[in-house]
Amino acid sequence: MTEQEIINMRPGLDMDLALAEKLMKWVVDREESQRCGVAVVRWEEDGKEVWRWFSPSQKKDDAWEVLEKFPYSKMERVEFFEGRVTVNVTVWPDIDEQTSYTGLANTFPHAVCLAALLALRGGE
C-alpha cells in the first residue's frame, strides 16, 4: 500500500485485517471475517486456541491494543469549531529513532490505525 492509499483508508474490515496480520501477528480467518464483517482472529494461549473479533478502526479497546505495540505515542484532540473534532495520533516505532508517523482522523480508533499502518509501511 502506498502512503496515500493508507491515508485514504476508511475504518472497516480492510484496515482491521491489515493490522491483525501485520502488526499483531495473528492468524486471520478471512472467510469468517468476510461473513461477519469484522476481523476474526486466533492465536494460541496456554496451549489453547483463542478466537476473537478485532476491530481497532472502530473500537477504542482494540485501538489501545494497537497503540500498545509502539514504545512511544502522543495523542491530541483538536476542536477548531464547536463540534468539528480532529484526533492526531503519533507513534514512534523505536524510542531511539527520530522517525514518527501521524494519523489524523475524526475518531481516536481511526487515527490510531492510520498511524500504525503508516509506521508499518515506513518499516518496509
PDB file of N, CA and C in Angstrom:
ATOM      1  N   MET A   1       0.833  -1.190   0.000  1.00  0.00           N
ATOM      2  CA  MET A   1       0.000   0.000   0.000  1.00  0.00           C
ATOM      3  C   MET A   1       0.876   1.251   0.000  1.00  0.00           C
ATOM      4  N   THR A   2       0.460   2.225  -0.734  1.00  0.00           N
ATOM      5  CA  THR A   2       1.188   3.486  -0.737  1.00  0.00           C
ATOM      6  C   THR A   2       0.747   4.323   0.463  1.00  0.00           C
ATOM      7  N   GLU A   3       1.525   5.354   0.752  1.00  0.00           N
ATOM      8  CA  GLU A   3       1.170   6.252   1.850  1.00  0.00           C
ATOM      9  C   GLU A   3      -0.204   6.885   1.620  1.00  0.00           C
ATOM     10  N   GLN A   4      -0.468   7.299   0.384  1.00  0.00           N
ATOM     11  CA  GLN A   4      -1.747   7.941   0.079  1.00  0.00           C
ATOM     12  C   GLN A   4      -2.909   6.955   0.212  1.00  0.00           C
ATOM     13  N   GLU A   5      -2.698   5.712  -0.184  1.00  0.00           N
ATOM     14  CA  GLU A   5      -3.748   4.698  -0.029  1.00  0.00           C
ATOM     15  C   GLU A   5      -4.090   4.487   1.445  1.00  0.00           C
ATOM     16  N   ILE A   6      -3.074   4.488   2.295  1.00  0.00           N
ATOM     17  CA  ILE A   6      -3.308   4.343   3.736  1.00  0.00           C
ATOM     18  C   ILE A   6      -4.080   5.554   4.262  1.00  0.00           C
ATOM     19  N   ILE A   7      -3.635   6.745   3.911  1.00  0.00           N
ATOM     20  CA  ILE A   7      -4.288   7.963   4.388  1.00  0.00           C
ATOM     21  C   ILE A   7      -5.759   7.997   3.971  1.00  0.00           C
ATOM     22  N   ASN A   8      -6.067   7.468   2.794  1.00  0.00           N
ATOM     23  CA  ASN A   8      -7.441   7.463   2.288  1.00  0.00           C
ATOM     24  C   ASN A   8      -8.302   6.325   2.839  1.00  0.00           C
ATOM     25  N   MET A   9      -7.706   5.398   3.587  1.00  0.00           N
ATOM     26  CA  MET A   9      -8.478   4.259   4.102  1.00  0.00           C
ATOM     27  C   MET A   9      -9.536   4.713   5.091  1.00  0.00           C
ATOM     28  N   ARG A  10     -10.697   4.113   4.987  1.00  0.00           N
ATOM     29  CA  ARG A  10     -11.792   4.357   5.923  1.00  0.00           C
ATOM     30  C   ARG A  10     -11.780   3.256   6.974  1.00  0.00           C
ATOM     31  N   PRO A  11     -12.336   3.519   8.140  1.00  0.00           N
ATOM     32  CA  PRO A  11     -12.432   2.460   9.153  1.00  0.00           C
ATOM     33  C   PRO A  11     -13.223   1.281   8.592  1.00  0.00           C
ATOM     34  N   GLY A  12     -12.797   0.084   8.954  1.00  0.00           N
ATOM     35  CA  GLY A  12     -13.537  -1.084   8.496  1.00  0.00           C
ATOM     36  C   GLY A  12     -12.672  -2.318   8.397  1.00  0.00           C
ATOM     37  N   LEU A  13     -13.209  -3.315   7.745  1.00  0.00           N
ATOM     38  CA  LEU A  13     -12.609  -4.644   7.710  1.00  0.00           C
ATOM     39  C   LEU A  13     -11.210  -4.663   7.107  1.00  0.00           C
ATOM     40  N   ASP A  14     -10.970  -3.969   5.993  1.00  0.00           N
ATOM     41  CA  ASP A  14      -9.643  -3.997   5.368  1.00  0.00           C
ATOM     42  C   ASP A  14      -8.566  -3.470   6.309  1.00  0.00           C
ATOM     43  N   MET A  15      -8.861  -2.385   6.970  1.00  0.00           N
ATOM     44  CA  MET A  15      -7.919  -1.799   7.913  1.00  0.00           C
ATOM     45  C   MET A  15      -7.685  -2.750   9.100  1.00  0.00           C
ATOM     46  N   ASP A  16      -8.754  -3.316   9.613  1.00  0.00           N
ATOM     47  CA  ASP A  16      -8.660  -4.221  10.761  1.00  0.00           C
ATOM     48  C   ASP A  16      -7.856  -5.477  10.420  1.00  0.00           C
ATOM     49  N   LEU A  17      -8.100  -6.050   9.248  1.00  0.00           N
ATOM     50  CA  LEU A  17      -7.378  -7.252   8.833  1.00  0.00           C
ATOM     51  C   LEU A  17      -5.889  -6.971   8.665  1.00  0.00           C
ATOM     52  N   ALA A  18      -5.556  -5.836   8.056  1.00  0.00           N
ATOM     53  CA  ALA A  18      -4.142  -5.490   7.856  1.00  0.00           C
ATOM     54  C   ALA A  18      -3.405  -5.389   9.187  1.00  0.00           C
ATOM     55  N   LEU A  19      -4.019  -4.756  10.161  1.00  0.00           N
ATOM     56  CA  LEU A  19      -3.370  -4.611  11.470  1.00  0.00           C
ATOM     57  C   LEU A  19      -3.311  -5.934  12.224  1.00  0.00           C
ATOM     58  N   ALA A  20      -4.347  -6.734  12.125  1.00  0.00           N
ATOM     59  CA  ALA A  20      -4.350  -8.033  12.803  1.00  0.00           C
ATOM     60  C   ALA A  20      -3.204  -8.905  12.302  1.00  0.00           C
ATOM     61  N   GLU A  21      -2.992  -8.902  10.992  1.00  0.00           N
ATOM     62  CA  GLU A  21      -1.948  -9.740  10.399  1.00  0.00           C
ATOM     63  C   GLU A  21      -0.552  -9.142  10.539  1.00  0.00           C
ATOM     64  N   LYS A  22      -0.398  -7.886  10.160  1.00  0.00           N
ATOM     65  CA  LYS A  22       0.930  -7.295  10.060  1.00  0.00           C
ATOM     66  C   LYS A  22       1.499  -6.805  11.384  1.00  0.00           C
ATOM     67  N   LEU A  23       0.661  -6.233  12.233  1.00  0.00           N
ATOM     68  CA  LEU A  23       1.150  -5.672  13.490  1.00  0.00           C
ATOM     69  C   LEU A  23       0.981  -6.652  14.654  1.00  0.00           C
ATOM     70  N   MET A  24      -0.210  -7.199  14.787  1.00  0.00           N
ATOM     71  CA  MET A  24      -0.483  -8.084  15.912  1.00  0.00           C
ATOM     72  C   MET A  24       0.067  -9.494  15.681  1.00  0.00           C
ATOM     73  N   LYS A  25       0.311  -9.832  14.400  1.00  0.00           N
ATOM     74  CA  LYS A  25       0.860 -11.142  14.007  1.00  0.00           C
ATOM     75  C   LYS A  25      -0.098 -12.285  14.341  1.00  0.00           C
ATOM     76  N   TRP A  26      -1.382 -12.016  14.229  1.00  0.00           N
ATOM     77  CA  TRP A  26      -2.390 -13.030  14.479  1.00  0.00           C
ATOM     78  C   TRP A  26      -2.783 -13.717  13.177  1.00  0.00           C
ATOM     79  N   VAL A  27      -3.306 -14.920  13.312  1.00  0.00           N
ATOM     80  CA  VAL A  27      -3.851 -15.641  12.172  1.00  0.00           C
ATOM     81  C   VAL A  27      -5.282 -15.153  11.979  1.00  0.00           C
ATOM     82  N   VAL A  28      -5.616 -14.803  10.753  1.00  0.00           N
ATOM     83  CA  VAL A  28      -6.935 -14.261  10.437  1.00  0.00           C
ATOM     84  C   VAL A  28      -7.733 -15.308   9.669  1.00  0.00           C
ATOM     85  N   ASP A  29      -8.959 -15.508  10.074  1.00  0.00           N
ATOM     86  CA  ASP A  29      -9.881 -16.358   9.324  1.00  0.00           C
ATOM     87  C   ASP A  29     -10.622 -15.436   8.355  1.00  0.00           C
ATOM     88  N   ARG A  30     -10.108 -15.346   7.135  1.00  0.00           N
ATOM     89  CA  ARG A  30     -10.655 -14.389   6.163  1.00  0.00           C
ATOM     90  C   ARG A  30     -12.093 -14.715   5.764  1.00  0.00           C
ATOM     91  N   GLU A  31     -12.387 -15.983   5.614  1.00  0.00           N
ATOM     92  CA  GLU A  31     -13.751 -16.363   5.223  1.00  0.00           C
ATOM     93  C   GLU A  31     -14.755 -15.963   6.305  1.00  0.00           C
ATOM     94  N   GLU A  32     -14.430 -16.272   7.532  1.00  0.00           N
ATOM     95  CA  GLU A  32     -15.325 -15.907   8.644  1.00  0.00           C
ATOM     96  C   GLU A  32     -15.376 -14.391   8.819  1.00  0.00           C
ATOM     97  N   SER A  33     -14.249 -13.725   8.598  1.00  0.00           N
ATOM     98  CA  SER A  33     -14.204 -12.263   8.701  1.00  0.00           C
ATOM     99  C   SER A  33     -15.130 -11.616   7.673  1.00  0.00           C
ATOM    100  N   GLN A  34     -15.083 -12.111   6.441  1.00  0.00           N
ATOM    101  CA  GLN A  34     -15.960 -11.568   5.403  1.00  0.00           C
ATOM    102  C   GLN A  34     -17.427 -11.811   5.752  1.00  0.00           C
ATOM    103  N   ARG A  35     -17.711 -12.996   6.279  1.00  0.00           N
ATOM    104  CA  ARG A  35     -19.088 -13.336   6.623  1.00  0.00           C
ATOM    105  C   ARG A  35     -19.608 -12.447   7.754  1.00  0.00           C
ATOM    106  N   CYS A  36     -18.754 -12.187   8.752  1.00  0.00           N
ATOM    107  CA  CYS A  36     -19.162 -11.418   9.931  1.00  0.00           C
ATOM    108  C   CYS A  36     -19.009  -9.905   9.737  1.00  0.00           C
ATOM    109  N   GLY A  37     -18.153  -9.505   8.799  1.00  0.00           N
ATOM    110  CA  GLY A  37     -17.899  -8.084   8.596  1.00  0.00           C
ATOM    111  C   GLY A  37     -16.965  -7.485   9.631  1.00  0.00           C
ATOM    112  N   VAL A  38     -16.286  -8.340  10.365  1.00  0.00           N
ATOM    113  CA  VAL A  38     -15.320  -7.902  11.374  1.00  0.00           C
ATOM    114  C   VAL A  38     -14.178  -8.915  11.359  1.00  0.00           C
ATOM    115  N   ALA A  39     -12.957  -8.469  11.682  1.00  0.00           N
ATOM    116  CA  ALA A  39     -11.806  -9.367  11.665  1.00  0.00           C
ATOM    117  C   ALA A  39     -11.976 -10.446  12.739  1.00  0.00           C
ATOM    118  N   VAL A  40     -11.894 -11.691  12.307  1.00  0.00           N
ATOM    119  CA  VAL A  40     -11.943 -12.833  13.228  1.00  0.00           C
ATOM    120  C   VAL A  40     -10.523 -13.377  13.282  1.00  0.00           C
ATOM    121  N   VAL A  41      -9.914 -13.315  14.460  1.00  0.00           N
ATOM    122  CA  VAL A  41      -8.503 -13.672  14.611  1.00  0.00           C
ATOM    123  C   VAL A  41      -8.350 -14.795  15.632  1.00  0.00           C
ATOM    124  N   ARG A  42      -7.204 -15.462  15.549  1.00  0.00           N
ATOM    125  CA  ARG A  42      -6.923 -16.524  16.519  1.00  0.00           C
ATOM    126  C   ARG A  42      -5.437 -16.582  16.820  1.00  0.00           C
ATOM    127  N   TRP A  43      -5.141 -17.108  17.984  1.00  0.00           N
ATOM    128  CA  TRP A  43      -3.765 -17.327  18.410  1.00  0.00           C
ATOM    129  C   TRP A  43      -3.801 -18.379  19.511  1.00  0.00           C
ATOM    130  N   GLU A  44      -2.617 -18.844  19.910  1.00  0.00           N
ATOM    131  CA  GLU A  44      -2.549 -19.832  20.979  1.00  0.00           C
ATOM    132  C   GLU A  44      -2.138 -19.169  22.272  1.00  0.00           C
ATOM    133  N   GLU A  45      -2.814 -19.582  23.336  1.00  0.00           N
ATOM    134  CA  GLU A  45      -2.525 -19.055  24.668  1.00  0.00           C
ATOM    135  C   GLU A  45      -2.673 -20.207  25.658  1.00  0.00           C
ATOM    136  N   ASP A  46      -1.615 -20.501  26.395  1.00  0.00           N
ATOM    137  CA  ASP A  46      -1.617 -21.615  27.351  1.00  0.00           C
ATOM    138  C   ASP A  46      -2.030 -22.925  26.687  1.00  0.00           C
ATOM    139  N   GLY A  47      -1.540 -23.144  25.454  1.00  0.00           N
ATOM    140  CA  GLY A  47      -1.820 -24.390  24.752  1.00  0.00           C
ATOM    141  C   GLY A  47      -3.216 -24.498  24.175  1.00  0.00           C
ATOM    142  N   LYS A  48      -4.005 -23.439  24.276  1.00  0.00           N
ATOM    143  CA  LYS A  48      -5.363 -23.462  23.743  1.00  0.00           C
ATOM    144  C   LYS A  48      -5.501 -22.416  22.652  1.00  0.00           C
ATOM    145  N   GLU A  49      -6.345 -22.742  21.679  1.00  0.00           N
ATOM    146  CA  GLU A  49      -6.602 -21.791  20.613  1.00  0.00           C
ATOM    147  C   GLU A  49      -7.649 -20.782  21.077  1.00  0.00           C
ATOM    148  N   VAL A  50      -7.329 -19.508  20.911  1.00  0.00           N
ATOM    149  CA  VAL A  50      -8.221 -18.426  21.318  1.00  0.00           C
ATOM    150  C   VAL A  50      -8.729 -17.725  20.052  1.00  0.00           C
ATOM    151  N   TRP A  51     -10.030 -17.465  19.992  1.00  0.00           N
ATOM    152  CA  TRP A  51     -10.655 -16.752  18.882  1.00  0.00           C
ATOM    153  C   TRP A  51     -11.287 -15.485  19.409  1.00  0.00           C
ATOM    154  N   ARG A  52     -11.281 -14.454  18.602  1.00  0.00           N
ATOM    155  CA  ARG A  52     -11.995 -13.235  18.988  1.00  0.00           C
ATOM    156  C   ARG A  52     -12.216 -12.339  17.793  1.00  0.00           C
ATOM    157  N   TRP A  53     -13.112 -11.396  17.969  1.00  0.00           N
ATOM    158  CA  TRP A  53     -13.326 -10.355  16.973  1.00  0.00           C
ATOM    159  C   TRP A  53     -12.365  -9.222  17.282  1.00  0.00           C
ATOM    160  N   PHE A  54     -11.882  -8.547  16.238  1.00  0.00           N
ATOM    161  CA  PHE A  54     -10.896  -7.485  16.392  1.00  0.00           C
ATOM    162  C   PHE A  54     -11.250  -6.358  15.441  1.00  0.00           C
ATOM    163  N   SER A  55     -11.577  -5.190  15.984  1.00  0.00           N
ATOM    164  CA  SER A  55     -11.978  -4.061  15.160  1.00  0.00           C
ATOM    165  C   SER A  55     -11.349  -2.759  15.672  1.00  0.00           C
ATOM    166  N   PRO A  56     -10.018  -2.638  15.542  1.00  0.00           N
ATOM    167  CA  PRO A  56      -9.345  -1.457  16.089  1.00  0.00           C
ATOM    168  C   PRO A  56      -9.725  -0.149  15.404  1.00  0.00           C
ATOM    169  N   SER A  57     -10.224  -0.220  14.186  1.00  0.00           N
ATOM    170  CA  SER A  57     -10.575   1.019  13.487  1.00  0.00           C
ATOM    171  C   SER A  57     -11.894   1.608  13.989  1.00  0.00           C
ATOM    172  N   GLN A  58     -12.626   0.827  14.805  1.00  0.00           N
ATOM    173  CA  GLN A  58     -13.910   1.308  15.295  1.00  0.00           C
ATOM    174  C   GLN A  58     -14.096   1.156  16.806  1.00  0.00           C
ATOM    175  N   LYS A  59     -13.342   0.259  17.432  1.00  0.00           N
ATOM    176  CA  LYS A  59     -13.493   0.033  18.868  1.00  0.00           C
ATOM    177  C   LYS A  59     -12.282   0.564  19.637  1.00  0.00           C
ATOM    178  N   LYS A  60     -12.539   1.385  20.636  1.00  0.00           N
ATOM    179  CA  LYS A  60     -11.444   2.004  21.399  1.00  0.00           C
ATOM    180  C   LYS A  60     -10.557   0.982  22.096  1.00  0.00           C
ATOM    181  N   ASP A  61     -11.147  -0.050  22.688  1.00  0.00           N
ATOM    182  CA  ASP A  61     -10.338  -1.055  23.391  1.00  0.00           C
ATOM    183  C   ASP A  61      -9.350  -1.731  22.439  1.00  0.00           C
ATOM    184  N   ASP A  62      -9.809  -2.066  21.247  1.00  0.00           N
ATOM    185  CA  ASP A  62      -8.924  -2.695  20.265  1.00  0.00           C
ATOM    186  C   ASP A  62      -7.886  -1.709  19.753  1.00  0.00           C
ATOM    187  N   ALA A  63      -8.259  -0.445  19.613  1.00  0.00           N
ATOM    188  CA  ALA A  63      -7.303   0.582  19.187  1.00  0.00           C
ATOM    189  C   ALA A  63      -6.183   0.733  20.220  1.00  0.00           C
ATOM    190  N   TRP A  64      -6.524   0.654  21.502  1.00  0.00           N
ATOM    191  CA  TRP A  64      -5.493   0.743  22.540  1.00  0.00           C
ATOM    192  C   TRP A  64      -4.506  -0.418  22.421  1.00  0.00           C
ATOM    193  N   GLU A  65      -4.999  -1.608  22.069  1.00  0.00           N
ATOM    194  CA  GLU A  65      -4.096  -2.751  21.876  1.00  0.00           C
ATOM    195  C   GLU A  65      -3.094  -2.468  20.769  1.00  0.00           C
ATOM    196  N   VAL A  66      -3.554  -1.850  19.702  1.00  0.00           N
ATOM    197  CA  VAL A  66      -2.666  -1.473  18.601  1.00  0.00           C
ATOM    198  C   VAL A  66      -1.642  -0.461  19.102  1.00  0.00           C
ATOM    199  N   LEU A  67      -2.082   0.538  19.807  1.00  0.00           N
ATOM    200  CA  LEU A  67      -1.195   1.599  20.303  1.00  0.00           C
ATOM    201  C   LEU A  67      -0.131   1.044  21.240  1.00  0.00           C
ATOM    202  N   GLU A  68      -0.477   0.028  22.011  1.00  0.00           N
ATOM    203  CA  GLU A  68       0.470  -0.573  22.959  1.00  0.00           C
ATOM    204  C   GLU A  68       1.620  -1.303  22.274  1.00  0.00           C
ATOM    205  N   LYS A  69       1.534  -1.521  20.983  1.00  0.00           N
ATOM    206  CA  LYS A  69       2.625  -2.164  20.238  1.00  0.00           C
ATOM    207  C   LYS A  69       3.778  -1.196  19.966  1.00  0.00           C
ATOM    208  N   PHE A  70       3.565   0.065  20.230  1.00  0.00           N
ATOM    209  CA  PHE A  70       4.582   1.084  19.977  1.00  0.00           C
ATOM    210  C   PHE A  70       5.147   1.569  21.311  1.00  0.00           C
ATOM    211  N   PRO A  71       6.467   1.788  21.376  1.00  0.00           N
ATOM    212  CA  PRO A  71       7.063   2.185  22.651  1.00  0.00           C
ATOM    213  C   PRO A  71       6.701   3.594  23.098  1.00  0.00           C
ATOM    214  N   TYR A  72       6.309   4.441  22.146  1.00  0.00           N
ATOM    215  CA  TYR A  72       6.002   5.820  22.498  1.00  0.00           C
ATOM    216  C   TYR A  72       4.918   6.335  21.561  1.00  0.00           C
ATOM    217  N   SER A  73       3.968   7.066  22.127  1.00  0.00           N
ATOM    218  CA  SER A  73       2.908   7.632  21.303  1.00  0.00           C
ATOM    219  C   SER A  73       2.419   8.931  21.925  1.00  0.00           C
ATOM    220  N   LYS A  74       1.761   9.727  21.084  1.00  0.00           N
ATOM    221  CA  LYS A  74       1.207  11.002  21.543  1.00  0.00           C
ATOM    222  C   LYS A  74      -0.161  11.169  20.885  1.00  0.00           C
ATOM    223  N   MET A  75      -1.128  11.650  21.665  1.00  0.00           N
ATOM    224  CA  MET A  75      -2.470  11.872  21.140  1.00  0.00           C
ATOM    225  C   MET A  75      -2.889  13.305  21.400  1.00  0.00           C
ATOM    226  N   GLU A  76      -3.521  13.912  20.409  1.00  0.00           N
ATOM    227  CA  GLU A  76      -4.047  15.263  20.554  1.00  0.00           C
ATOM    228  C   GLU A  76      -5.467  15.296  20.016  1.00  0.00           C
ATOM    229  N   ARG A  77      -6.326  15.959  20.733  1.00  0.00           N
ATOM    230  CA  ARG A  77      -7.700  16.188  20.271  1.00  0.00           C
ATOM    231  C   ARG A  77      -7.815  17.674  19.977  1.00  0.00           C
ATOM    232  N   VAL A  78      -8.130  17.995  18.737  1.00  0.00           N
ATOM    233  CA  VAL A  78      -8.194  19.391  18.311  1.00  0.00           C
ATOM    234  C   VAL A  78      -9.622  19.705  17.886  1.00  0.00           C
ATOM    235  N   GLU A  79     -10.155  20.800  18.430  1.00  0.00           N
ATOM    236  CA  GLU A  79     -11.501  21.237  18.060  1.00  0.00           C
ATOM    237  C   GLU A  79     -11.409  22.690  17.602  1.00  0.00           C
ATOM    238  N   PHE A  80     -11.399  22.902  16.266  1.00  0.00           N
ATOM    239  CA  PHE A  80     -11.295  24.248  15.714  1.00  0.00           C
ATOM    240  C   PHE A  80     -12.600  25.011  15.874  1.00  0.00           C
ATOM    241  N   PHE A  81     -13.670  24.353  15.533  1.00  0.00           N
ATOM    242  CA  PHE A  81     -15.009  24.927  15.674  1.00  0.00           C
ATOM    243  C   PHE A  81     -15.819  23.944  16.500  1.00  0.00           C
ATOM    244  N   GLU A  82     -16.769  24.444  17.235  1.00  0.00           N
ATOM    245  CA  GLU A  82     -17.578  23.583  18.084  1.00  0.00           C
ATOM    246  C   GLU A  82     -18.155  22.428  17.255  1.00  0.00           C
ATOM    247  N   GLY A  83     -17.853  21.213  17.709  1.00  0.00           N
ATOM    248  CA  GLY A  83     -18.367  20.021  17.045  1.00  0.00           C
ATOM    249  C   GLY A  83     -17.482  19.462  15.948  1.00  0.00           C
ATOM    250  N   ARG A  84     -16.454  20.208  15.532  1.00  0.00           N
ATOM    251  CA  ARG A  84     -15.541  19.713  14.484  1.00  0.00           C
ATOM    252  C   ARG A  84     -14.231  19.293  15.131  1.00  0.00           C
ATOM    253  N   VAL A  85     -14.162  18.010  15.457  1.00  0.00           N
ATOM    254  CA  VAL A  85     -13.019  17.478  16.190  1.00  0.00           C
ATOM    255  C   VAL A  85     -12.119  16.676  15.254  1.00  0.00           C
ATOM    256  N   THR A  86     -10.822  16.878  15.405  1.00  0.00           N
ATOM    257  CA  THR A  86      -9.820  16.063  14.724  1.00  0.00           C
ATOM    258  C   THR A  86      -8.937  15.443  15.799  1.00  0.00           C
ATOM    259  N   VAL A  87      -8.617  14.178  15.608  1.00  0.00           N
ATOM    260  CA  VAL A  87      -7.731  13.481  16.532  1.00  0.00           C
ATOM    261  C   VAL A  87      -6.429  13.196  15.790  1.00  0.00           C
ATOM    262  N   ASN A  88      -5.321  13.601  16.397  1.00  0.00           N
ATOM    263  CA  ASN A  88      -3.986  13.342  15.851  1.00  0.00           C
ATOM    264  C   ASN A  88      -3.311  12.318  16.754  1.00  0.00           C
ATOM    265  N   VAL A  89      -2.890  11.223  16.182  1.00  0.00           N
ATOM    266  CA  VAL A  89      -2.150  10.212  16.941  1.00  0.00           C
ATOM    267  C   VAL A  89      -0.807  10.022  16.258  1.00  0.00           C
ATOM    268  N   THR A  90       0.265  10.173  17.024  1.00  0.00           N
ATOM    269  CA  THR A  90       1.617   9.995  16.505  1.00  0.00           C
ATOM    270  C   THR A  90       2.256   8.827  17.230  1.00  0.00           C
ATOM    271  N   VAL A  91       2.901   7.939  16.465  1.00  0.00           N
ATOM    272  CA  VAL A  91       3.601   6.797  17.048  1.00  0.00           C
ATOM    273  C   VAL A  91       5.056   6.801  16.616  1.00  0.00           C
ATOM    274  N   TRP A  92       5.896   6.275  17.491  1.00  0.00           N
ATOM    275  CA  TRP A  92       7.310   6.081  17.209  1.00  0.00           C
ATOM    276  C   TRP A  92       7.570   4.580  17.294  1.00  0.00           C
ATOM    277  N   PRO A  93       7.968   3.952  16.181  1.00  0.00           N
ATOM    278  CA  PRO A  93       8.209   2.511  16.200  1.00  0.00           C
ATOM    279  C   PRO A  93       9.398   2.108  17.072  1.00  0.00           C
ATOM    280  N   ASP A  94      10.347   3.013  17.221  1.00  0.00           N
ATOM    281  CA  ASP A  94      11.524   2.738  18.035  1.00  0.00           C
ATOM    282  C   ASP A  94      11.820   3.994  18.852  1.00  0.00           C
ATOM    283  N   ILE A  95      11.911   3.858  20.145  1.00  0.00           N
ATOM    284  CA  ILE A  95      12.077   5.005  21.034  1.00  0.00           C
ATOM    285  C   ILE A  95      13.366   5.777  20.740  1.00  0.00           C
ATOM    286  N   ASP A  96      14.361   5.109  20.157  1.00  0.00           N
ATOM    287  CA  ASP A  96      15.636   5.761  19.878  1.00  0.00           C
ATOM    288  C   ASP A  96      15.670   6.476  18.533  1.00  0.00           C
ATOM    289  N   GLU A  97      14.624   6.309  17.738  1.00  0.00           N
ATOM    290  CA  GLU A  97      14.605   6.924  16.421  1.00  0.00           C
ATOM    291  C   GLU A  97      13.869   8.251  16.441  1.00  0.00           C
ATOM    292  N   GLN A  98      14.207   9.097  15.493  1.00  0.00           N
ATOM    293  CA  GLN A  98      13.536  10.380  15.334  1.00  0.00           C
ATOM    294  C   GLN A  98      12.280  10.254  14.464  1.00  0.00           C
ATOM    295  N   THR A  99      12.173   9.143  13.740  1.00  0.00           N
ATOM    296  CA  THR A  99      11.073   8.966  12.802  1.00  0.00           C
ATOM    297  C   THR A  99       9.765   8.682  13.524  1.00  0.00           C
ATOM    298  N   SER A 100       8.743   9.449  13.169  1.00  0.00           N
ATOM    299  CA  SER A 100       7.415   9.236  13.748  1.00  0.00           C
ATOM    300  C   SER A 100       6.384   9.223  12.620  1.00  0.00           C
ATOM    301  N   TYR A 101       5.215   8.694  12.935  1.00  0.00           N
ATOM    302  CA  TYR A 101       4.136   8.587  11.949  1.00  0.00           C
ATOM    303  C   TYR A 101       2.852   9.070  12.597  1.00  0.00           C
ATOM    304  N   THR A 102       2.130   9.934  11.892  1.00  0.00           N
ATOM    305  CA  THR A 102       0.924  10.549  12.453  1.00  0.00           C
ATOM    306  C   THR A 102      -0.304  10.202  11.626  1.00  0.00           C
ATOM    307  N   GLY A 103      -1.348   9.800  12.336  1.00  0.00           N
ATOM    308  CA  GLY A 103      -2.642   9.573  11.717  1.00  0.00           C
ATOM    309  C   GLY A 103      -3.598  10.665  12.153  1.00  0.00           C
ATOM    310  N   LEU A 104      -4.329  11.226  11.212  1.00  0.00           N
ATOM    311  CA  LEU A 104      -5.317  12.270  11.514  1.00  0.00           C
ATOM    312  C   LEU A 104      -6.688  11.750  11.088  1.00  0.00           C
ATOM    313  N   ALA A 105      -7.650  11.826  11.999  1.00  0.00           N
ATOM    314  CA  ALA A 105      -8.995  11.337  11.690  1.00  0.00           C
ATOM    315  C   ALA A 105     -10.003  12.013  12.612  1.00  0.00           C
ATOM    316  N   ASN A 106     -11.262  11.702  12.398  1.00  0.00           N
ATOM    317  CA  ASN A 106     -12.323  12.256  13.241  1.00  0.00           C
ATOM    318  C   ASN A 106     -12.540  11.456  14.517  1.00  0.00           C
ATOM    319  N   THR A 107     -11.991  10.235  14.562  1.00  0.00           N
ATOM    320  CA  THR A 107     -12.146   9.414  15.768  1.00  0.00           C
ATOM    321  C   THR A 107     -10.787   8.896  16.220  1.00  0.00           C
ATOM    322  N   PHE A 108     -10.677   8.615  17.509  1.00  0.00           N
ATOM    323  CA  PHE A 108      -9.441   8.074  18.075  1.00  0.00           C
ATOM    324  C   PHE A 108      -9.064   6.735  17.440  1.00  0.00           C
ATOM    325  N   PRO A 109      -9.982   5.753  17.344  1.00  0.00           N
ATOM    326  CA  PRO A 109      -9.585   4.467  16.776  1.00  0.00           C
ATOM    327  C   PRO A 109      -9.061   4.580  15.337  1.00  0.00           C
ATOM    328  N   HIS A 110      -9.720   5.390  14.534  1.00  0.00           N
ATOM    329  CA  HIS A 110      -9.293   5.539  13.144  1.00  0.00           C
ATOM    330  C   HIS A 110      -7.908   6.190  13.068  1.00  0.00           C
ATOM    331  N   ALA A 111      -7.658   7.209  13.865  1.00  0.00           N
ATOM    332  CA  ALA A 111      -6.352   7.880  13.874  1.00  0.00           C
ATOM    333  C   ALA A 111      -5.242   6.926  14.310  1.00  0.00           C
ATOM    334  N   VAL A 112      -5.514   6.100  15.319  1.00  0.00           N
ATOM    335  CA  VAL A 112      -4.526   5.111  15.779  1.00  0.00           C
ATOM    336  C   VAL A 112      -4.173   4.163  14.643  1.00  0.00           C
ATOM    337  N   CYS A 113      -5.181   3.664  13.960  1.00  0.00           N
ATOM    338  CA  CYS A 113      -4.951   2.700  12.887  1.00  0.00           C
ATOM    339  C   CYS A 113      -4.181   3.305  11.723  1.00  0.00           C
ATOM    340  N   LEU A 114      -4.498   4.529  11.374  1.00  0.00           N
ATOM    341  CA  LEU A 114      -3.755   5.204  10.301  1.00  0.00           C
ATOM    342  C   LEU A 114      -2.282   5.363  10.673  1.00  0.00           C
ATOM    343  N   ALA A 115      -2.014   5.813  11.885  1.00  0.00           N
ATOM    344  CA  ALA A 115      -0.629   5.985  12.335  1.00  0.00           C
ATOM    345  C   ALA A 115       0.106   4.649  12.334  1.00  0.00           C
ATOM    346  N   ALA A 116      -0.550   3.596  12.812  1.00  0.00           N
ATOM    347  CA  ALA A 116       0.080   2.271  12.876  1.00  0.00           C
ATOM    348  C   ALA A 116       0.387   1.739  11.481  1.00  0.00           C
ATOM    349  N   LEU A 117      -0.547   1.882  10.558  1.00  0.00           N
ATOM    350  CA  LEU A 117      -0.311   1.402   9.195  1.00  0.00           C
ATOM    351  C   LEU A 117       0.797   2.198   8.504  1.00  0.00           C
ATOM    352  N   LEU A 118       0.840   3.499   8.752  1.00  0.00           N
ATOM    353  CA  LEU A 118       1.924   4.311   8.196  1.00  0.00           C
ATOM    354  C   LEU A 118       3.274   3.875   8.776  1.00  0.00           C
ATOM    355  N   ALA A 119       3.317   3.569  10.062  1.00  0.00           N
ATOM    356  CA  ALA A 119       4.551   3.114  10.693  1.00  0.00           C
ATOM    357  C   ALA A 119       4.975   1.765  10.115  1.00  0.00           C
ATOM    358  N   LEU A 120       4.023   0.867   9.904  1.00  0.00           N
ATOM    359  CA  LEU A 120       4.358  -0.443   9.315  1.00  0.00           C
ATOM    360  C   LEU A 120       4.914  -0.262   7.899  1.00  0.00           C
ATOM    361  N   ARG A 121       4.308   0.626   7.152  1.00  0.00           N
ATOM    362  CA  ARG A 121       4.782   0.893   5.794  1.00  0.00           C
ATOM    363  C   ARG A 121       6.171   1.491   5.820  1.00  0.00           C
ATOM    364  N   GLY A 122       6.445   2.376   6.782  1.00  0.00           N
ATOM    365  CA  GLY A 122       7.752   3.009   6.894  1.00  0.00           C
ATOM    366  C   GLY A 122       8.859   2.023   7.181  1.00  0.00           C
ATOM    367  N   GLY A 123       8.496   0.914   7.818  1.00  0.00           N
ATOM    368  CA  GLY A 123       9.475  -0.105   8.153  1.00  0.00           C
ATOM    369  C   GLY A 123       9.745  -1.091   7.031  1.00  0.00           C
ATOM    370  N   GLU A 124       9.044  -0.943   5.900  1.00  0.00           N
ATOM    371  CA  GLU A 124       9.239  -1.874   4.777  1.00  0.00           C
ATOM    372  C   GLU A 124      10.428  -1.505   3.954  1.00  0.00           C
TER     373      GLU A 124
END
